[in-house]
Amino acid sequence: MDAVGLDAKAFFSRSPFMLSGGEKHRVAIASILAMRPGFLLLDEPTAGLDARGRAFVHNLIEQMVRATTGVIVVSHEIEEFESRVQKHLVLKEGRLWGL
């Protein structure tokens, strides 16, 4: 939970239904990071997040890349991740294009 900026003790007594959208997002990411994956596949990781939440996700992706964790991001927001990725692939009309 520390990796995603949340105090675990504060969440033990809270119902998951009382968490904000951003908190739910962070708890979900924390549950995946706890398994120490070799790579992350993130589908629209910033969808529905405010600017602070998006900045958190961007920072997390950059940290994972520095830690040599492979990261695959699927997003309609190409510009948002343009400077954070090493390679772009675009799916257009059923074909995958490398940029």
Protein backbone atom coordinates (compact mmCIF):
# COMPACT_ATOMS: atom_id res chain seq x y z
CA MET A 1 0.00 0.00 0.00
CA ASP A 2 2.96 2.29 0.63
CA ALA A 3 3.94 1.96 -3.04
CA VAL A 4 0.64 3.52 -4.05
CA GLY A 5 0.60 6.21 -1.37
CA LEU A 6 -2.03 4.70 0.92
CA ASP A 7 -1.91 3.90 4.64
CA ALA A 8 -2.93 0.24 4.92
CA LYS A 9 -4.15 0.58 8.52
CA ALA A 10 -6.60 3.29 7.49
CA PHE A 11 -8.25 0.90 5.01
CA PHE A 12 -8.70 -2.18 7.19
CA SER A 13 -11.83 -0.85 8.87
CA ARG A 14 -13.36 0.78 5.79
CA SER A 15 -15.90 -0.83 3.53
CA PRO A 16 -14.70 -1.09 -0.08
CA PHE A 17 -17.98 0.57 -1.04
CA MET A 18 -16.90 3.71 0.83
CA LEU A 19 -13.65 4.18 -1.11
CA SER A 20 -13.39 6.90 -3.72
CA GLY A 21 -12.76 5.94 -7.32
CA GLY A 22 -9.11 6.97 -7.02
CA GLU A 23 -8.68 4.96 -3.82
CA LYS A 24 -10.20 1.88 -5.46
CA HIS A 25 -7.81 2.35 -8.36
CA ARG A 26 -4.80 2.53 -6.02
CA VAL A 27 -5.90 -0.49 -3.96
CA ALA A 28 -6.27 -2.50 -7.18
CA ILE A 29 -2.77 -1.49 -8.30
CA ALA A 30 -1.35 -2.29 -4.84
CA SER A 31 -2.86 -5.78 -4.99
CA ILE A 32 -1.08 -6.43 -8.28
CA LEU A 33 2.25 -4.95 -7.14
CA ALA A 34 2.16 -7.19 -4.05
CA MET A 35 2.62 -10.15 -6.39
CA ARG A 36 5.84 -8.61 -7.78
CA PRO A 37 4.95 -9.15 -11.43
CA GLY A 38 7.54 -9.28 -14.18
CA PHE A 39 5.36 -6.98 -16.23
CA LEU A 40 2.19 -4.92 -15.89
CA LEU A 41 -0.59 -4.72 -18.45
CA LEU A 42 -2.57 -1.55 -17.77
CA ASP A 43 -5.81 -1.01 -19.67
CA GLU A 44 -6.84 2.66 -19.65
CA PRO A 45 -5.01 3.21 -16.33
CA THR A 46 -5.97 6.88 -16.04
CA ALA A 47 -9.62 6.61 -17.09
CA GLY A 48 -11.87 8.47 -14.68
CA LEU A 49 -9.00 9.88 -12.61
CA ASP A 50 -8.47 13.52 -11.74
CA ALA A 51 -5.17 15.30 -12.48
CA ARG A 52 -3.63 14.14 -9.20
CA GLY A 53 -4.62 10.52 -9.87
CA ARG A 54 -3.25 10.67 -13.41
CA ALA A 55 0.05 12.11 -12.14
CA PHE A 56 0.24 9.25 -9.63
CA VAL A 57 -0.24 6.64 -12.38
CA HIS A 58 2.34 8.34 -14.61
CA ASN A 59 4.85 8.34 -11.74
CA LEU A 60 4.11 4.70 -10.94
CA ILE A 61 4.68 3.67 -14.56
CA GLU A 62 8.00 5.51 -14.61
CA GLN A 63 9.03 3.80 -11.33
CA MET A 64 8.13 0.37 -12.69
CA VAL A 65 10.15 0.95 -15.85
CA ARG A 66 13.16 2.05 -13.77
CA ALA A 67 12.75 -1.12 -11.67
CA THR A 68 12.95 -3.13 -14.93
CA THR A 69 9.32 -4.19 -14.73
CA GLY A 70 7.89 -4.38 -18.22
CA VAL A 71 4.88 -2.13 -18.67
CA ILE A 72 2.28 -2.36 -21.43
CA VAL A 73 -0.24 0.49 -21.49
CA VAL A 74 -3.43 0.28 -23.55
CA SER A 75 -4.96 3.72 -23.95
CA HIS A 76 -6.92 5.93 -26.29
CA GLU A 77 -4.89 8.85 -24.90
CA ILE A 78 -1.71 8.42 -26.95
CA GLU A 79 -0.39 11.89 -26.10
CA GLU A 80 -0.69 11.23 -22.37
CA PHE A 81 1.82 8.37 -22.49
CA GLU A 82 3.91 9.45 -25.47
CA SER A 83 6.94 10.57 -23.44
CA ARG A 84 6.68 7.69 -20.97
CA VAL A 85 7.01 4.73 -23.31
CA GLN A 86 9.82 3.26 -25.39
CA LYS A 87 7.68 1.95 -28.23
CA HIS A 88 4.26 2.80 -29.64
CA LEU A 89 1.93 0.30 -31.25
CA VAL A 90 -1.33 1.41 -32.80
CA LEU A 91 -4.27 -0.88 -33.53
CA LYS A 92 -6.12 0.49 -36.53
CA GLU A 93 -8.76 -1.32 -38.57
CA GLY A 94 -7.71 -4.65 -37.09
CA ARG A 95 -4.00 -4.20 -37.88
CA LEU A 96 -1.18 -3.52 -35.44
CA TRP A 97 1.25 -0.79 -36.52
CA GLY A 98 4.60 0.02 -34.91
CA LEU A 99 5.62 3.67 -34.68
